[in-house]
Amino acid sequence: MNRYPGDWPSQARLDELVRVYGSSRLMWGSDFPYVQSLGGGYVEAPRAVLQWQKDGLLPSMKSAQDFENLFSGTLVRLLGGDK
């Protein structure tokens, strides 16, 4: 398997979204339209995001809070939780 499933160009798009809107206004969706067509599947998609950050491809995601927002925090707040 490729280091980034399907050699996704998506890291630049995600970084731009975080830069423009902030991680507290974004959340990960498992039905990401390219997840199956570009390879890797639903399991590898979030892993790719974590790898992009490790490799310095997401400069706008600077903290653990950014990742918590993206993967759970924004949804919890949207649904009225206490995060």
N, C-alpha and C. Protein backbone atom coordinates (compact mmCIF):
# COMPACT_ATOMS: atom_id res chain seq x y z
N MET A 1 0.84 -1.18 0.00
CA MET A 1 0.00 0.00 0.00
C MET A 1 0.88 1.24 0.00
N ASN A 2 0.44 2.27 -0.69
CA ASN A 2 1.17 3.52 -0.71
C ASN A 2 1.21 4.14 0.69
N ARG A 3 2.19 4.97 0.91
CA ARG A 3 2.27 5.68 2.19
C ARG A 3 1.01 6.51 2.41
N TYR A 4 0.52 7.13 1.36
CA TYR A 4 -0.75 7.85 1.40
C TYR A 4 -1.69 7.14 0.45
N PRO A 5 -2.77 6.57 0.95
CA PRO A 5 -3.67 5.82 0.09
C PRO A 5 -4.06 6.59 -1.16
N GLY A 6 -3.77 6.00 -2.30
CA GLY A 6 -4.14 6.60 -3.58
C GLY A 6 -3.38 7.87 -3.91
N ASP A 7 -2.30 8.16 -3.17
CA ASP A 7 -1.58 9.42 -3.36
C ASP A 7 -2.54 10.60 -3.36
N TRP A 8 -3.39 10.66 -2.36
CA TRP A 8 -4.42 11.68 -2.26
C TRP A 8 -3.85 13.08 -2.32
N PRO A 9 -4.43 13.97 -3.12
CA PRO A 9 -4.05 15.37 -3.09
C PRO A 9 -4.77 16.10 -1.96
N SER A 10 -5.50 15.36 -1.15
CA SER A 10 -6.40 15.94 -0.17
C SER A 10 -5.72 16.63 1.00
N GLN A 11 -4.46 16.32 1.29
CA GLN A 11 -3.84 16.96 2.44
C GLN A 11 -3.79 18.47 2.25
N ALA A 12 -3.56 18.94 1.04
CA ALA A 12 -3.54 20.39 0.79
C ALA A 12 -4.92 21.00 1.00
N ARG A 13 -5.95 20.28 0.59
CA ARG A 13 -7.33 20.78 0.77
C ARG A 13 -7.68 20.84 2.25
N LEU A 14 -7.34 19.79 2.99
CA LEU A 14 -7.63 19.76 4.42
C LEU A 14 -6.88 20.88 5.13
N ASP A 15 -5.61 21.05 4.80
CA ASP A 15 -4.83 22.10 5.44
C ASP A 15 -5.45 23.47 5.16
N GLU A 16 -5.89 23.71 3.96
CA GLU A 16 -6.53 24.98 3.61
C GLU A 16 -7.82 25.19 4.41
N LEU A 17 -8.63 24.15 4.55
CA LEU A 17 -9.86 24.26 5.33
C LEU A 17 -9.57 24.60 6.79
N VAL A 18 -8.57 23.95 7.37
CA VAL A 18 -8.21 24.24 8.75
C VAL A 18 -7.69 25.66 8.87
N ARG A 19 -6.88 26.08 7.92
CA ARG A 19 -6.32 27.44 7.95
C ARG A 19 -7.42 28.50 7.85
N VAL A 20 -8.38 28.28 6.96
CA VAL A 20 -9.42 29.28 6.70
C VAL A 20 -10.51 29.26 7.77
N TYR A 21 -10.99 28.07 8.15
CA TYR A 21 -12.13 27.97 9.04
C TYR A 21 -11.79 27.61 10.48
N GLY A 22 -10.62 27.00 10.69
CA GLY A 22 -10.26 26.53 12.03
C GLY A 22 -10.80 25.14 12.28
N SER A 23 -10.06 24.37 13.05
CA SER A 23 -10.45 22.98 13.29
C SER A 23 -11.74 22.85 14.08
N SER A 24 -12.09 23.88 14.85
CA SER A 24 -13.31 23.80 15.66
C SER A 24 -14.58 23.91 14.82
N ARG A 25 -14.44 24.19 13.53
CA ARG A 25 -15.59 24.28 12.64
C ARG A 25 -15.62 23.16 11.61
N LEU A 26 -14.74 22.16 11.79
CA LEU A 26 -14.65 21.03 10.86
C LEU A 26 -14.82 19.71 11.59
N MET A 27 -15.29 18.70 10.87
CA MET A 27 -15.33 17.36 11.44
C MET A 27 -15.14 16.35 10.33
N TRP A 28 -14.54 15.24 10.71
CA TRP A 28 -14.25 14.16 9.77
C TRP A 28 -15.53 13.43 9.42
N GLY A 29 -15.71 13.10 8.14
CA GLY A 29 -16.85 12.32 7.70
C GLY A 29 -16.38 11.01 7.08
N SER A 30 -16.93 9.91 7.51
CA SER A 30 -16.47 8.61 7.02
C SER A 30 -16.94 8.31 5.60
N ASP A 31 -17.84 9.11 5.09
CA ASP A 31 -18.28 8.89 3.72
C ASP A 31 -17.56 9.81 2.74
N PHE A 32 -16.36 10.22 3.11
CA PHE A 32 -15.51 11.04 2.25
C PHE A 32 -15.57 10.45 0.84
N PRO A 33 -15.95 11.21 -0.16
CA PRO A 33 -16.27 10.63 -1.48
C PRO A 33 -15.13 9.90 -2.17
N TYR A 34 -13.92 10.20 -1.84
CA TYR A 34 -12.82 9.58 -2.55
C TYR A 34 -12.24 8.37 -1.83
N VAL A 35 -12.79 8.04 -0.67
CA VAL A 35 -12.15 7.04 0.18
C VAL A 35 -12.04 5.67 -0.49
N GLN A 36 -13.03 5.27 -1.22
CA GLN A 36 -12.98 3.97 -1.88
C GLN A 36 -12.30 4.03 -3.24
N SER A 37 -12.55 5.09 -3.99
CA SER A 37 -11.99 5.16 -5.34
C SER A 37 -10.48 5.40 -5.35
N LEU A 38 -9.94 6.01 -4.32
CA LEU A 38 -8.51 6.29 -4.29
C LEU A 38 -7.72 5.24 -3.52
N GLY A 39 -8.40 4.29 -2.93
CA GLY A 39 -7.71 3.22 -2.21
C GLY A 39 -7.58 3.50 -0.73
N GLY A 40 -7.32 2.43 0.00
CA GLY A 40 -7.12 2.57 1.43
C GLY A 40 -8.35 2.27 2.24
N GLY A 41 -9.52 2.63 1.74
CA GLY A 41 -10.76 2.35 2.44
C GLY A 41 -10.97 3.21 3.67
N TYR A 42 -12.03 2.90 4.39
CA TYR A 42 -12.44 3.70 5.54
C TYR A 42 -11.45 3.62 6.70
N VAL A 43 -10.76 2.53 6.84
CA VAL A 43 -9.81 2.38 7.94
C VAL A 43 -8.57 3.24 7.71
N GLU A 44 -8.08 3.27 6.48
CA GLU A 44 -6.85 3.98 6.19
C GLU A 44 -7.02 5.50 6.07
N ALA A 45 -8.22 5.98 5.79
CA ALA A 45 -8.42 7.41 5.59
C ALA A 45 -8.01 8.24 6.80
N PRO A 46 -8.49 7.95 8.02
CA PRO A 46 -8.03 8.75 9.17
C PRO A 46 -6.55 8.54 9.47
N ARG A 47 -6.08 7.35 9.22
CA ARG A 47 -4.64 7.09 9.43
C ARG A 47 -3.80 7.94 8.50
N ALA A 48 -4.29 8.17 7.29
CA ALA A 48 -3.56 9.01 6.34
C ALA A 48 -3.45 10.44 6.88
N VAL A 49 -4.53 10.96 7.48
CA VAL A 49 -4.50 12.31 8.04
C VAL A 49 -3.43 12.40 9.12
N LEU A 50 -3.36 11.41 9.99
CA LEU A 50 -2.36 11.40 11.05
C LEU A 50 -0.95 11.33 10.46
N GLN A 51 -0.78 10.55 9.41
CA GLN A 51 0.53 10.45 8.76
C GLN A 51 0.91 11.75 8.08
N TRP A 52 -0.07 12.42 7.45
CA TRP A 52 0.21 13.71 6.81
C TRP A 52 0.77 14.68 7.84
N GLN A 53 0.17 14.69 9.04
CA GLN A 53 0.64 15.60 10.08
C GLN A 53 2.05 15.24 10.51
N LYS A 54 2.31 13.96 10.71
CA LYS A 54 3.65 13.51 11.11
C LYS A 54 4.69 13.92 10.07
N ASP A 55 4.29 13.91 8.81
CA ASP A 55 5.21 14.24 7.72
C ASP A 55 5.26 15.74 7.41
N GLY A 56 4.58 16.55 8.20
CA GLY A 56 4.63 17.99 8.03
C GLY A 56 3.80 18.53 6.90
N LEU A 57 2.81 17.75 6.44
CA LEU A 57 1.99 18.18 5.31
C LEU A 57 0.74 18.95 5.72
N LEU A 58 0.51 19.09 7.02
CA LEU A 58 -0.65 19.83 7.53
C LEU A 58 -0.18 20.91 8.50
N PRO A 59 0.52 21.93 8.01
CA PRO A 59 1.05 22.94 8.93
C PRO A 59 -0.02 23.69 9.72
N SER A 60 -1.25 23.73 9.23
CA SER A 60 -2.31 24.43 9.95
C SER A 60 -2.82 23.65 11.15
N MET A 61 -2.57 22.34 11.19
CA MET A 61 -3.00 21.53 12.33
C MET A 61 -1.82 21.39 13.28
N LYS A 62 -1.74 22.31 14.23
CA LYS A 62 -0.56 22.44 15.07
C LYS A 62 -0.67 21.75 16.41
N SER A 63 -1.85 21.41 16.84
CA SER A 63 -2.00 20.89 18.20
C SER A 63 -2.84 19.63 18.24
N ALA A 64 -2.75 18.96 19.37
CA ALA A 64 -3.61 17.79 19.60
C ALA A 64 -5.07 18.20 19.58
N GLN A 65 -5.36 19.43 20.02
CA GLN A 65 -6.73 19.92 20.02
C GLN A 65 -7.30 19.99 18.60
N ASP A 66 -6.47 20.33 17.62
CA ASP A 66 -6.93 20.36 16.23
C ASP A 66 -7.41 18.98 15.80
N PHE A 67 -6.65 17.94 16.17
CA PHE A 67 -7.04 16.58 15.81
C PHE A 67 -8.27 16.13 16.58
N GLU A 68 -8.36 16.49 17.85
CA GLU A 68 -9.54 16.15 18.62
C GLU A 68 -10.77 16.82 18.02
N ASN A 69 -10.65 18.08 17.64
CA ASN A 69 -11.77 18.77 17.00
C ASN A 69 -12.20 18.04 15.74
N LEU A 70 -11.25 17.73 14.88
CA LEU A 70 -11.56 17.10 13.60
C LEU A 70 -12.23 15.74 13.77
N PHE A 71 -11.69 14.91 14.66
CA PHE A 71 -12.16 13.54 14.76
C PHE A 71 -13.26 13.31 15.79
N SER A 72 -13.51 14.26 16.71
CA SER A 72 -14.59 14.02 17.67
C SER A 72 -15.16 15.30 18.28
N GLY A 73 -14.32 16.26 18.63
CA GLY A 73 -14.75 17.42 19.39
C GLY A 73 -15.84 18.25 18.75
N THR A 74 -15.72 18.53 17.47
CA THR A 74 -16.72 19.34 16.78
C THR A 74 -18.08 18.64 16.79
N LEU A 75 -18.09 17.35 16.54
CA LEU A 75 -19.35 16.60 16.55
C LEU A 75 -19.98 16.59 17.94
N VAL A 76 -19.17 16.37 18.96
CA VAL A 76 -19.70 16.35 20.33
C VAL A 76 -20.34 17.70 20.65
N ARG A 77 -19.66 18.79 20.31
CA ARG A 77 -20.23 20.13 20.56
C ARG A 77 -21.51 20.35 19.75
N LEU A 78 -21.52 19.90 18.50
CA LEU A 78 -22.69 20.05 17.65
C LEU A 78 -23.91 19.35 18.24
N LEU A 79 -23.67 18.20 18.84
CA LEU A 79 -24.75 17.40 19.42
C LEU A 79 -25.07 17.79 20.87
N GLY A 80 -24.43 18.84 21.34
CA GLY A 80 -24.74 19.33 22.67
C GLY A 80 -23.93 18.72 23.79
N GLY A 81 -22.82 18.09 23.46
CA GLY A 81 -21.96 17.51 24.49
C GLY A 81 -21.16 18.59 25.20
N ASP A 82 -20.28 18.18 26.07
CA ASP A 82 -19.56 19.13 26.89
C ASP A 82 -18.12 19.35 26.49
N LYS A 83 -17.69 18.94 25.30
CA LYS A 83 -16.30 19.18 24.89
C LYS A 83 -16.14 20.58 24.36
